[in-house]
Amino acid sequence: GTMGLVQSESLDRRFFNRLGASRLDRTICASAGAMGWKATVGA
């Protein structure tokens, strides 16, 4: 919903990590293609 590093993947991750919550595998868009690409090209 926002792609910014501050508002999308910083204090939220820290808070839920400290809480000991379940982690979310964020796959909804690109995870399959990213894995296929990285297996071939590396990054």
PDB file of all heavy atoms in Angstrom:
ATOM      1  N   GLY A   1       0.825  -1.212   0.000  1.00  0.00           N
ATOM      2  CA  GLY A   1       0.000   0.000   0.000  1.00  0.00           C
ATOM      3  C   GLY A   1       0.851   1.250   0.000  1.00  0.00           C
ATOM      4  O   GLY A   1       0.498   2.264  -0.567  1.00  0.00           O
ATOM      5  N   THR A   2       1.992   1.173   0.645  1.00  0.00           N
ATOM      6  CA  THR A   2       3.086   2.116   0.439  1.00  0.00           C
ATOM      7  C   THR A   2       4.356   1.308   0.286  1.00  0.00           C
ATOM      8  O   THR A   2       4.537   0.288   0.962  1.00  0.00           O
ATOM      9  CB  THR A   2       3.218   3.131   1.585  1.00  0.00           C
ATOM     10  OG1 THR A   2       4.376   3.954   1.346  1.00  0.00           O
ATOM     11  CG2 THR A   2       3.384   2.446   2.928  1.00  0.00           C
ATOM     12  N   MET A   3       5.234   1.754  -0.600  1.00  0.00           N
ATOM     13  CA  MET A   3       6.469   1.020  -0.877  1.00  0.00           C
ATOM     14  C   MET A   3       7.665   1.587  -0.118  1.00  0.00           C
ATOM     15  O   MET A   3       8.785   1.129  -0.293  1.00  0.00           O
ATOM     16  CB  MET A   3       6.761   1.057  -2.382  1.00  0.00           C
ATOM     17  CG  MET A   3       5.723   0.372  -3.244  1.00  0.00           C
ATOM     18  SD  MET A   3       5.789  -1.423  -3.150  1.00  0.00           S
ATOM     19  CE  MET A   3       7.250  -1.768  -4.149  1.00  0.00           C
ATOM     20  N   GLY A   4       7.448   2.595   0.721  1.00  0.00           N
ATOM     21  CA  GLY A   4       8.559   3.221   1.414  1.00  0.00           C
ATOM     22  C   GLY A   4       9.188   2.311   2.457  1.00  0.00           C
ATOM     23  O   GLY A   4       8.509   1.537   3.129  1.00  0.00           O
ATOM     24  N   LEU A   5      10.499   2.434   2.629  1.00  0.00           N
ATOM     25  CA  LEU A   5      11.210   1.597   3.580  1.00  0.00           C
ATOM     26  C   LEU A   5      10.839   1.935   5.020  1.00  0.00           C
ATOM     27  O   LEU A   5      10.851   1.062   5.887  1.00  0.00           O
ATOM     28  CB  LEU A   5      12.718   1.756   3.385  1.00  0.00           C
ATOM     29  CG  LEU A   5      13.270   1.299   2.032  1.00  0.00           C
ATOM     30  CD1 LEU A   5      14.767   1.603   1.937  1.00  0.00           C
ATOM     31  CD2 LEU A   5      13.020  -0.188   1.810  1.00  0.00           C
ATOM     32  N   VAL A   6      10.503   3.185   5.296  1.00  0.00           N
ATOM     33  CA  VAL A   6      10.186   3.592   6.660  1.00  0.00           C
ATOM     34  C   VAL A   6       8.785   3.145   7.050  1.00  0.00           C
ATOM     35  O   VAL A   6       8.574   2.538   8.103  1.00  0.00           O
ATOM     36  CB  VAL A   6      10.330   5.120   6.822  1.00  0.00           C
ATOM     37  CG1 VAL A   6       9.930   5.553   8.235  1.00  0.00           C
ATOM     38  CG2 VAL A   6      11.762   5.559   6.519  1.00  0.00           C
ATOM     39  N   GLN A   7       7.803   3.423   6.201  1.00  0.00           N
ATOM     40  CA  GLN A   7       6.411   3.166   6.556  1.00  0.00           C
ATOM     41  C   GLN A   7       5.937   1.758   6.223  1.00  0.00           C
ATOM     42  O   GLN A   7       4.829   1.388   6.596  1.00  0.00           O
ATOM     43  CB  GLN A   7       5.500   4.199   5.871  1.00  0.00           C
ATOM     44  CG  GLN A   7       5.782   5.636   6.253  1.00  0.00           C
ATOM     45  CD  GLN A   7       5.638   5.901   7.750  1.00  0.00           C
ATOM     46  OE1 GLN A   7       4.908   5.209   8.451  1.00  0.00           O
ATOM     47  NE2 GLN A   7       6.344   6.915   8.232  1.00  0.00           N
ATOM     48  N   SER A   8       6.763   0.973   5.541  1.00  0.00           N
ATOM     49  CA  SER A   8       6.288  -0.365   5.176  1.00  0.00           C
ATOM     50  C   SER A   8       7.134  -1.506   5.729  1.00  0.00           C
ATOM     51  O   SER A   8       6.664  -2.641   5.775  1.00  0.00           O
ATOM     52  CB  SER A   8       6.196  -0.525   3.650  1.00  0.00           C
ATOM     53  OG  SER A   8       7.481  -0.648   3.069  1.00  0.00           O
ATOM     54  N   GLU A   9       8.371  -1.239   6.154  1.00  0.00           N
ATOM     55  CA  GLU A   9       9.188  -2.374   6.597  1.00  0.00           C
ATOM     56  C   GLU A   9      10.268  -1.953   7.585  1.00  0.00           C
ATOM     57  O   GLU A   9      11.437  -2.300   7.437  1.00  0.00           O
ATOM     58  CB  GLU A   9       9.804  -3.111   5.407  1.00  0.00           C
ATOM     59  CG  GLU A   9      10.462  -2.250   4.347  1.00  0.00           C
ATOM     60  CD  GLU A   9      10.874  -3.067   3.128  1.00  0.00           C
ATOM     61  OE1 GLU A   9      11.705  -3.975   3.272  1.00  0.00           O
ATOM     62  OE2 GLU A   9      10.343  -2.794   2.038  1.00  0.00           O
ATOM     63  N   SER A  10       9.847  -1.220   8.616  1.00  0.00           N
ATOM     64  CA  SER A  10      10.815  -0.855   9.650  1.00  0.00           C
ATOM     65  C   SER A  10      10.216  -1.077  11.032  1.00  0.00           C
ATOM     66  O   SER A  10      10.302  -2.180  11.574  1.00  0.00           O
ATOM     67  CB  SER A  10      11.273   0.598   9.464  1.00  0.00           C
ATOM     68  OG  SER A  10      10.196   1.516   9.634  1.00  0.00           O
ATOM     69  N   LEU A  11       9.581  -0.069  11.601  1.00  0.00           N
ATOM     70  CA  LEU A  11       9.068  -0.219  12.956  1.00  0.00           C
ATOM     71  C   LEU A  11       7.982  -1.279  13.059  1.00  0.00           C
ATOM     72  O   LEU A  11       7.805  -1.897  14.118  1.00  0.00           O
ATOM     73  CB  LEU A  11       8.548   1.124  13.473  1.00  0.00           C
ATOM     74  CG  LEU A  11       9.585   1.959  14.229  1.00  0.00           C
ATOM     75  CD1 LEU A  11       9.034   3.314  14.611  1.00  0.00           C
ATOM     76  CD2 LEU A  11      10.076   1.225  15.470  1.00  0.00           C
ATOM     77  N   ASP A  12       7.235  -1.488  11.987  1.00  0.00           N
ATOM     78  CA  ASP A  12       6.236  -2.559  12.025  1.00  0.00           C
ATOM     79  C   ASP A  12       6.914  -3.909  12.253  1.00  0.00           C
ATOM     80  O   ASP A  12       6.505  -4.695  13.112  1.00  0.00           O
ATOM     81  CB  ASP A  12       5.409  -2.568  10.734  1.00  0.00           C
ATOM     82  CG  ASP A  12       6.257  -2.738   9.482  1.00  0.00           C
ATOM     83  OD1 ASP A  12       7.360  -2.161   9.420  1.00  0.00           O
ATOM     84  OD2 ASP A  12       5.822  -3.438   8.549  1.00  0.00           O
ATOM     85  N   ARG A  13       7.990  -4.183  11.489  1.00  0.00           N
ATOM     86  CA  ARG A  13       8.684  -5.454  11.635  1.00  0.00           C
ATOM     87  C   ARG A  13       9.333  -5.553  13.026  1.00  0.00           C
ATOM     88  O   ARG A  13       9.319  -6.613  13.659  1.00  0.00           O
ATOM     89  CB  ARG A  13       9.743  -5.626  10.546  1.00  0.00           C
ATOM     90  CG  ARG A  13       9.265  -5.322   9.122  1.00  0.00           C
ATOM     91  CD  ARG A  13       8.171  -6.269   8.647  1.00  0.00           C
ATOM     92  NE  ARG A  13       7.595  -5.799   7.390  1.00  0.00           N
ATOM     93  CZ  ARG A  13       8.039  -6.116   6.180  1.00  0.00           C
ATOM     94  NH1 ARG A  13       9.077  -6.908   6.056  1.00  0.00           N
ATOM     95  NH2 ARG A  13       7.426  -5.649   5.106  1.00  0.00           N
ATOM     96  N   ARG A  14       9.920  -4.456  13.479  1.00  0.00           N
ATOM     97  CA  ARG A  14      10.547  -4.473  14.806  1.00  0.00           C
ATOM     98  C   ARG A  14       9.510  -4.774  15.893  1.00  0.00           C
ATOM     99  O   ARG A  14       9.767  -5.575  16.808  1.00  0.00           O
ATOM    100  CB  ARG A  14      11.209  -3.123  15.084  1.00  0.00           C
ATOM    101  CG  ARG A  14      12.318  -2.752  14.126  1.00  0.00           C
ATOM    102  CD  ARG A  14      12.902  -1.387  14.462  1.00  0.00           C
ATOM    103  NE  ARG A  14      13.796  -0.908  13.415  1.00  0.00           N
ATOM    104  CZ  ARG A  14      14.500   0.212  13.486  1.00  0.00           C
ATOM    105  NH1 ARG A  14      14.415   0.975  14.576  1.00  0.00           N
ATOM    106  NH2 ARG A  14      15.278   0.580  12.496  1.00  0.00           N
ATOM    107  N   PHE A  15       8.358  -4.107  15.794  1.00  0.00           N
ATOM    108  CA  PHE A  15       7.327  -4.294  16.815  1.00  0.00           C
ATOM    109  C   PHE A  15       6.849  -5.740  16.846  1.00  0.00           C
ATOM    110  O   PHE A  15       6.791  -6.369  17.922  1.00  0.00           O
ATOM    111  CB  PHE A  15       6.156  -3.349  16.555  1.00  0.00           C
ATOM    112  CG  PHE A  15       4.976  -3.587  17.457  1.00  0.00           C
ATOM    113  CD1 PHE A  15       4.965  -3.099  18.747  1.00  0.00           C
ATOM    114  CD2 PHE A  15       3.880  -4.318  17.020  1.00  0.00           C
ATOM    115  CE1 PHE A  15       3.888  -3.331  19.595  1.00  0.00           C
ATOM    116  CE2 PHE A  15       2.804  -4.564  17.843  1.00  0.00           C
ATOM    117  CZ  PHE A  15       2.808  -4.065  19.140  1.00  0.00           C
ATOM    118  N   PHE A  16       6.503  -6.281  15.707  1.00  0.00           N
ATOM    119  CA  PHE A  16       5.980  -7.649  15.699  1.00  0.00           C
ATOM    120  C   PHE A  16       7.073  -8.674  16.001  1.00  0.00           C
ATOM    121  O   PHE A  16       6.795  -9.727  16.575  1.00  0.00           O
ATOM    122  CB  PHE A  16       5.268  -7.940  14.381  1.00  0.00           C
ATOM    123  CG  PHE A  16       3.939  -7.233  14.273  1.00  0.00           C
ATOM    124  CD1 PHE A  16       3.758  -6.188  13.376  1.00  0.00           C
ATOM    125  CD2 PHE A  16       2.883  -7.596  15.088  1.00  0.00           C
ATOM    126  CE1 PHE A  16       2.542  -5.531  13.291  1.00  0.00           C
ATOM    127  CE2 PHE A  16       1.660  -6.944  15.015  1.00  0.00           C
ATOM    128  CZ  PHE A  16       1.485  -5.903  14.117  1.00  0.00           C
ATOM    129  N   ASN A  17       8.329  -8.374  15.640  1.00  0.00           N
ATOM    130  CA  ASN A  17       9.423  -9.247  16.055  1.00  0.00           C
ATOM    131  C   ASN A  17       9.556  -9.255  17.577  1.00  0.00           C
ATOM    132  O   ASN A  17       9.682 -10.319  18.202  1.00  0.00           O
ATOM    133  CB  ASN A  17      10.738  -8.803  15.412  1.00  0.00           C
ATOM    134  CG  ASN A  17      10.899  -9.299  13.987  1.00  0.00           C
ATOM    135  OD1 ASN A  17      10.397 -10.357  13.628  1.00  0.00           O
ATOM    136  ND2 ASN A  17      11.602  -8.535  13.164  1.00  0.00           N
ATOM    137  N   ARG A  18       9.537  -8.066  18.173  1.00  0.00           N
ATOM    138  CA  ARG A  18       9.668  -7.993  19.642  1.00  0.00           C
ATOM    139  C   ARG A  18       8.488  -8.665  20.332  1.00  0.00           C
ATOM    140  O   ARG A  18       8.642  -9.316  21.376  1.00  0.00           O
ATOM    141  CB  ARG A  18       9.763  -6.519  20.066  1.00  0.00           C
ATOM    142  CG  ARG A  18       9.753  -6.302  21.586  1.00  0.00           C
ATOM    143  CD  ARG A  18      10.931  -6.980  22.258  1.00  0.00           C
ATOM    144  NE  ARG A  18      10.884  -6.841  23.702  1.00  0.00           N
ATOM    145  CZ  ARG A  18      10.191  -7.637  24.522  1.00  0.00           C
ATOM    146  NH1 ARG A  18       9.484  -8.650  24.022  1.00  0.00           N
ATOM    147  NH2 ARG A  18      10.215  -7.442  25.821  1.00  0.00           N
ATOM    148  N   LEU A  19       7.318  -8.551  19.755  1.00  0.00           N
ATOM    149  CA  LEU A  19       6.135  -9.176  20.321  1.00  0.00           C
ATOM    150  C   LEU A  19       6.210 -10.699  20.246  1.00  0.00           C
ATOM    151  O   LEU A  19       5.607 -11.403  21.047  1.00  0.00           O
ATOM    152  CB  LEU A  19       4.896  -8.659  19.575  1.00  0.00           C
ATOM    153  CG  LEU A  19       3.512  -9.037  20.075  1.00  0.00           C
ATOM    154  CD1 LEU A  19       3.291  -8.548  21.504  1.00  0.00           C
ATOM    155  CD2 LEU A  19       2.450  -8.450  19.145  1.00  0.00           C
ATOM    156  N   GLY A  20       6.969 -11.205  19.275  1.00  0.00           N
ATOM    157  CA  GLY A  20       7.031 -12.651  19.052  1.00  0.00           C
ATOM    158  C   GLY A  20       5.890 -13.165  18.205  1.00  0.00           C
ATOM    159  O   GLY A  20       5.555 -14.360  18.243  1.00  0.00           O
ATOM    160  N   ALA A  21       5.290 -12.278  17.417  1.00  0.00           N
ATOM    161  CA  ALA A  21       4.139 -12.635  16.588  1.00  0.00           C
ATOM    162  C   ALA A  21       4.555 -13.536  15.435  1.00  0.00           C
ATOM    163  O   ALA A  21       5.744 -13.678  15.115  1.00  0.00           O
ATOM    164  CB  ALA A  21       3.484 -11.359  16.039  1.00  0.00           C
ATOM    165  N   SER A  22       3.556 -14.150  14.809  1.00  0.00           N
ATOM    166  CA  SER A  22       3.830 -14.874  13.564  1.00  0.00           C
ATOM    167  C   SER A  22       4.375 -13.898  12.529  1.00  0.00           C
ATOM    168  O   SER A  22       4.038 -12.706  12.521  1.00  0.00           O
ATOM    169  CB  SER A  22       2.548 -15.522  13.038  1.00  0.00           C
ATOM    170  OG  SER A  22       2.189 -16.645  13.797  1.00  0.00           O
ATOM    171  N   ARG A  23       5.216 -14.401  11.671  1.00  0.00           N
ATOM    172  CA  ARG A  23       5.739 -13.586  10.574  1.00  0.00           C
ATOM    173  C   ARG A  23       4.913 -13.835   9.322  1.00  0.00           C
ATOM    174  O   ARG A  23       4.363 -14.920   9.138  1.00  0.00           O
ATOM    175  CB  ARG A  23       7.209 -13.903  10.343  1.00  0.00           C
ATOM    176  CG  ARG A  23       8.083 -13.434  11.494  1.00  0.00           C
ATOM    177  CD  ARG A  23       9.517 -13.873  11.372  1.00  0.00           C
ATOM    178  NE  ARG A  23      10.328 -13.252  12.432  1.00  0.00           N
ATOM    179  CZ  ARG A  23      11.582 -13.585  12.710  1.00  0.00           C
ATOM    180  NH1 ARG A  23      12.181 -14.539  11.990  1.00  0.00           N
ATOM    181  NH2 ARG A  23      12.247 -12.983  13.677  1.00  0.00           N
ATOM    182  N   LEU A  24       4.860 -12.837   8.481  1.00  0.00           N
ATOM    183  CA  LEU A  24       4.086 -12.934   7.246  1.00  0.00           C
ATOM    184  C   LEU A  24       5.023 -13.192   6.072  1.00  0.00           C
ATOM    185  O   LEU A  24       5.984 -12.454   5.859  1.00  0.00           O
ATOM    186  CB  LEU A  24       3.298 -11.639   7.013  1.00  0.00           C
ATOM    187  CG  LEU A  24       2.327 -11.673   5.834  1.00  0.00           C
ATOM    188  CD1 LEU A  24       1.141 -12.586   6.132  1.00  0.00           C
ATOM    189  CD2 LEU A  24       1.834 -10.259   5.503  1.00  0.00           C
ATOM    190  N   ASP A  25       4.731 -14.241   5.328  1.00  0.00           N
ATOM    191  CA  ASP A  25       5.457 -14.517   4.093  1.00  0.00           C
ATOM    192  C   ASP A  25       4.772 -13.709   2.997  1.00  0.00           C
ATOM    193  O   ASP A  25       3.668 -14.031   2.553  1.00  0.00           O
ATOM    194  CB  ASP A  25       5.409 -16.011   3.803  1.00  0.00           C
ATOM    195  CG  ASP A  25       6.403 -16.441   2.743  1.00  0.00           C
ATOM    196  OD1 ASP A  25       7.180 -15.588   2.268  1.00  0.00           O
ATOM    197  OD2 ASP A  25       6.400 -17.629   2.377  1.00  0.00           O
ATOM    198  N   ARG A  26       5.427 -12.628   2.571  1.00  0.00           N
ATOM    199  CA  ARG A  26       4.794 -11.649   1.676  1.00  0.00           C
ATOM    200  C   ARG A  26       4.992 -12.075   0.219  1.00  0.00           C
ATOM    201  O   ARG A  26       5.946 -11.688  -0.432  1.00  0.00           O
ATOM    202  CB  ARG A  26       5.343 -10.260   1.971  1.00  0.00           C
ATOM    203  CG  ARG A  26       4.880  -9.730   3.322  1.00  0.00           C
ATOM    204  CD  ARG A  26       5.537  -8.434   3.738  1.00  0.00           C
ATOM    205  NE  ARG A  26       4.882  -7.863   4.919  1.00  0.00           N
ATOM    206  CZ  ARG A  26       5.159  -8.212   6.187  1.00  0.00           C
ATOM    207  NH1 ARG A  26       6.097  -9.122   6.425  1.00  0.00           N
ATOM    208  NH2 ARG A  26       4.502  -7.650   7.187  1.00  0.00           N
ATOM    209  N   THR A  27       4.054 -12.868  -0.264  1.00  0.00           N
ATOM    210  CA  THR A  27       4.172 -13.566  -1.545  1.00  0.00           C
ATOM    211  C   THR A  27       3.191 -13.084  -2.609  1.00  0.00           C
ATOM    212  O   THR A  27       3.218 -13.599  -3.726  1.00  0.00           O
ATOM    213  CB  THR A  27       3.900 -15.065  -1.329  1.00  0.00           C
ATOM    214  OG1 THR A  27       2.553 -15.206  -0.835  1.00  0.00           O
ATOM    215  CG2 THR A  27       4.868 -15.674  -0.331  1.00  0.00           C
ATOM    216  N   ILE A  28       2.303 -12.168  -2.308  1.00  0.00           N
ATOM    217  CA  ILE A  28       1.091 -11.954  -3.092  1.00  0.00           C
ATOM    218  C   ILE A  28       1.350 -11.497  -4.519  1.00  0.00           C
ATOM    219  O   ILE A  28       0.502 -11.658  -5.386  1.00  0.00           O
ATOM    220  CB  ILE A  28       0.158 -10.942  -2.375  1.00  0.00           C
ATOM    221  CG1 ILE A  28      -1.287 -11.034  -2.857  1.00  0.00           C
ATOM    222  CG2 ILE A  28       0.693  -9.531  -2.504  1.00  0.00           C
ATOM    223  CD1 ILE A  28      -2.047 -12.218  -2.349  1.00  0.00           C
ATOM    224  N   CYS A  29       2.539 -10.976  -4.799  1.00  0.00           N
ATOM    225  CA  CYS A  29       2.779 -10.439  -6.139  1.00  0.00           C
ATOM    226  C   CYS A  29       3.875 -11.170  -6.906  1.00  0.00           C
ATOM    227  O   CYS A  29       3.641 -11.624  -8.018  1.00  0.00           O
ATOM    228  CB  CYS A  29       3.141  -8.952  -6.037  1.00  0.00           C
ATOM    229  SG  CYS A  29       3.505  -8.177  -7.627  1.00  0.00           S
ATOM    230  N   ALA A  30       5.069 -11.253  -6.329  1.00  0.00           N
ATOM    231  CA  ALA A  30       6.247 -11.505  -7.156  1.00  0.00           C
ATOM    232  C   ALA A  30       7.127 -12.649  -6.703  1.00  0.00           C
ATOM    233  O   ALA A  30       8.184 -12.878  -7.295  1.00  0.00           O
ATOM    234  CB  ALA A  30       7.102 -10.227  -7.191  1.00  0.00           C
ATOM    235  N   SER A  31       6.736 -13.409  -5.681  1.00  0.00           N
ATOM    236  CA  SER A  31       7.685 -14.345  -5.078  1.00  0.00           C
ATOM    237  C   SER A  31       8.087 -15.481  -6.014  1.00  0.00           C
ATOM    238  O   SER A  31       9.235 -15.926  -6.004  1.00  0.00           O
ATOM    239  CB  SER A  31       7.104 -14.916  -3.783  1.00  0.00           C
ATOM    240  OG  SER A  31       5.902 -15.599  -4.025  1.00  0.00           O
ATOM    241  N   ALA A  32       7.157 -15.978  -6.827  1.00  0.00           N
ATOM    242  CA  ALA A  32       7.496 -17.074  -7.733  1.00  0.00           C
ATOM    243  C   ALA A  32       8.503 -16.626  -8.782  1.00  0.00           C
ATOM    244  O   ALA A  32       9.536 -17.278  -9.007  1.00  0.00           O
ATOM    245  CB  ALA A  32       6.228 -17.620  -8.399  1.00  0.00           C
ATOM    246  N   GLY A  33       8.208 -15.519  -9.444  1.00  0.00           N
ATOM    247  CA  GLY A  33       9.114 -15.012 -10.463  1.00  0.00           C
ATOM    248  C   GLY A  33      10.461 -14.629  -9.892  1.00  0.00           C
ATOM    249  O   GLY A  33      11.507 -14.871 -10.510  1.00  0.00           O
ATOM    250  N   ALA A  34      10.449 -14.038  -8.687  1.00  0.00           N
ATOM    251  CA  ALA A  34      11.715 -13.654  -8.061  1.00  0.00           C
ATOM    252  C   ALA A  34      12.584 -14.872  -7.804  1.00  0.00           C
ATOM    253  O   ALA A  34      13.803 -14.848  -8.023  1.00  0.00           O
ATOM    254  CB  ALA A  34      11.443 -12.908  -6.764  1.00  0.00           C
ATOM    255  N   MET A  35      11.968 -15.973  -7.373  1.00  0.00           N
ATOM    256  CA  MET A  35      12.753 -17.176  -7.097  1.00  0.00           C
ATOM    257  C   MET A  35      13.295 -17.788  -8.388  1.00  0.00           C
ATOM    258  O   MET A  35      14.459 -18.207  -8.453  1.00  0.00           O
ATOM    259  CB  MET A  35      11.910 -18.189  -6.340  1.00  0.00           C
ATOM    260  CG  MET A  35      12.688 -19.417  -5.897  1.00  0.00           C
ATOM    261  SD  MET A  35      11.730 -20.473  -4.793  1.00  0.00           S
ATOM    262  CE  MET A  35      12.839 -21.865  -4.629  1.00  0.00           C
ATOM    263  N   GLY A  36      12.463 -17.831  -9.427  1.00  0.00           N
ATOM    264  CA  GLY A  36      12.936 -18.359 -10.703  1.00  0.00           C
ATOM    265  C   GLY A  36      14.052 -17.526 -11.294  1.00  0.00           C
ATOM    266  O   GLY A  36      15.038 -18.061 -11.835  1.00  0.00           O
ATOM    267  N   TRP A  37      13.926 -16.214 -11.185  1.00  0.00           N
ATOM    268  CA  TRP A  37      14.950 -15.301 -11.696  1.00  0.00           C
ATOM    269  C   TRP A  37      16.254 -15.463 -10.916  1.00  0.00           C
ATOM    270  O   TRP A  37      17.341 -15.591 -11.492  1.00  0.00           O
ATOM    271  CB  TRP A  37      14.446 -13.867 -11.606  1.00  0.00           C
ATOM    272  CG  TRP A  37      15.397 -12.839 -12.116  1.00  0.00           C
ATOM    273  CD1 TRP A  37      16.359 -12.185 -11.404  1.00  0.00           C
ATOM    274  CD2 TRP A  37      15.510 -12.354 -13.460  1.00  0.00           C
ATOM    275  NE1 TRP A  37      17.049 -11.303 -12.199  1.00  0.00           N
ATOM    276  CE2 TRP A  37      16.542 -11.389 -13.470  1.00  0.00           C
ATOM    277  CE3 TRP A  37      14.821 -12.618 -14.641  1.00  0.00           C
ATOM    278  CZ2 TRP A  37      16.909 -10.710 -14.632  1.00  0.00           C
ATOM    279  CZ3 TRP A  37      15.187 -11.932 -15.796  1.00  0.00           C
ATOM    280  CH2 TRP A  37      16.221 -10.996 -15.788  1.00  0.00           C
ATOM    281  N   LYS A  38      16.133 -15.467  -9.582  1.00  0.00           N
ATOM    282  CA  LYS A  38      17.339 -15.538  -8.752  1.00  0.00           C
ATOM    283  C   LYS A  38      18.056 -16.874  -8.908  1.00  0.00           C
ATOM    284  O   LYS A  38      19.289 -16.931  -8.830  1.00  0.00           O
ATOM    285  CB  LYS A  38      16.982 -15.277  -7.295  1.00  0.00           C
ATOM    286  CG  LYS A  38      16.583 -13.830  -7.035  1.00  0.00           C
ATOM    287  CD  LYS A  38      16.109 -13.617  -5.601  1.00  0.00           C
ATOM    288  CE  LYS A  38      15.650 -12.189  -5.395  1.00  0.00           C
ATOM    289  NZ  LYS A  38      15.109 -11.964  -4.025  1.00  0.00           N
ATOM    290  N   ALA A  39      17.321 -17.956  -9.140  1.00  0.00           N
ATOM    291  CA  ALA A  39      17.958 -19.249  -9.354  1.00  0.00           C
ATOM    292  C   ALA A  39      18.823 -19.244 -10.609  1.00  0.00           C
ATOM    293  O   ALA A  39      19.774 -20.026 -10.728  1.00  0.00           O
ATOM    294  CB  ALA A  39      16.903 -20.345  -9.462  1.00  0.00           C
ATOM    295  N   THR A  40      18.525 -18.333 -11.523  1.00  0.00           N
ATOM    296  CA  THR A  40      19.221 -18.277 -12.808  1.00  0.00           C
ATOM    297  C   THR A  40      20.274 -17.182 -12.831  1.00  0.00           C
ATOM    298  O   THR A  40      21.416 -17.400 -13.243  1.00  0.00           O
ATOM    299  CB  THR A  40      18.193 -18.025 -13.931  1.00  0.00           C
ATOM    300  OG1 THR A  40      17.098 -18.930 -13.776  1.00  0.00           O
ATOM    301  CG2 THR A  40      18.826 -18.199 -15.303  1.00  0.00           C
ATOM    302  N   VAL A  41      19.879 -16.000 -12.367  1.00  0.00           N
ATOM    303  CA  VAL A  41      20.718 -14.804 -12.471  1.00  0.00           C
ATOM    304  C   VAL A  41      21.366 -14.454 -11.130  1.00  0.00           C
ATOM    305  O   VAL A  41      22.441 -13.867 -11.095  1.00  0.00           O
ATOM    306  CB  VAL A  41      19.875 -13.620 -13.004  1.00  0.00           C
ATOM    307  CG1 VAL A  41      20.647 -12.325 -13.001  1.00  0.00           C
ATOM    308  CG2 VAL A  41      19.371 -13.936 -14.413  1.00  0.00           C
ATOM    309  N   GLY A  42      20.674 -14.770 -10.042  1.00  0.00           N
ATOM    310  CA  GLY A  42      21.272 -14.610  -8.730  1.00  0.00           C
ATOM    311  C   GLY A  42      20.753 -13.468  -7.892  1.00  0.00           C
ATOM    312  O   GLY A  42      20.910 -13.473  -6.680  1.00  0.00           O
ATOM    313  N   ALA A  43      20.146 -12.466  -8.486  1.00  0.00           N
ATOM    314  CA  ALA A  43      19.610 -11.325  -7.740  1.00  0.00           C
ATOM    315  C   ALA A  43      18.618 -10.605  -8.639  1.00  0.00           C
ATOM    316  O   ALA A  43      18.597 -10.791  -9.860  1.00  0.00           O
ATOM    317  CB  ALA A  43      20.730 -10.377  -7.312  1.00  0.00           C
TER     318      ALA A  43
END
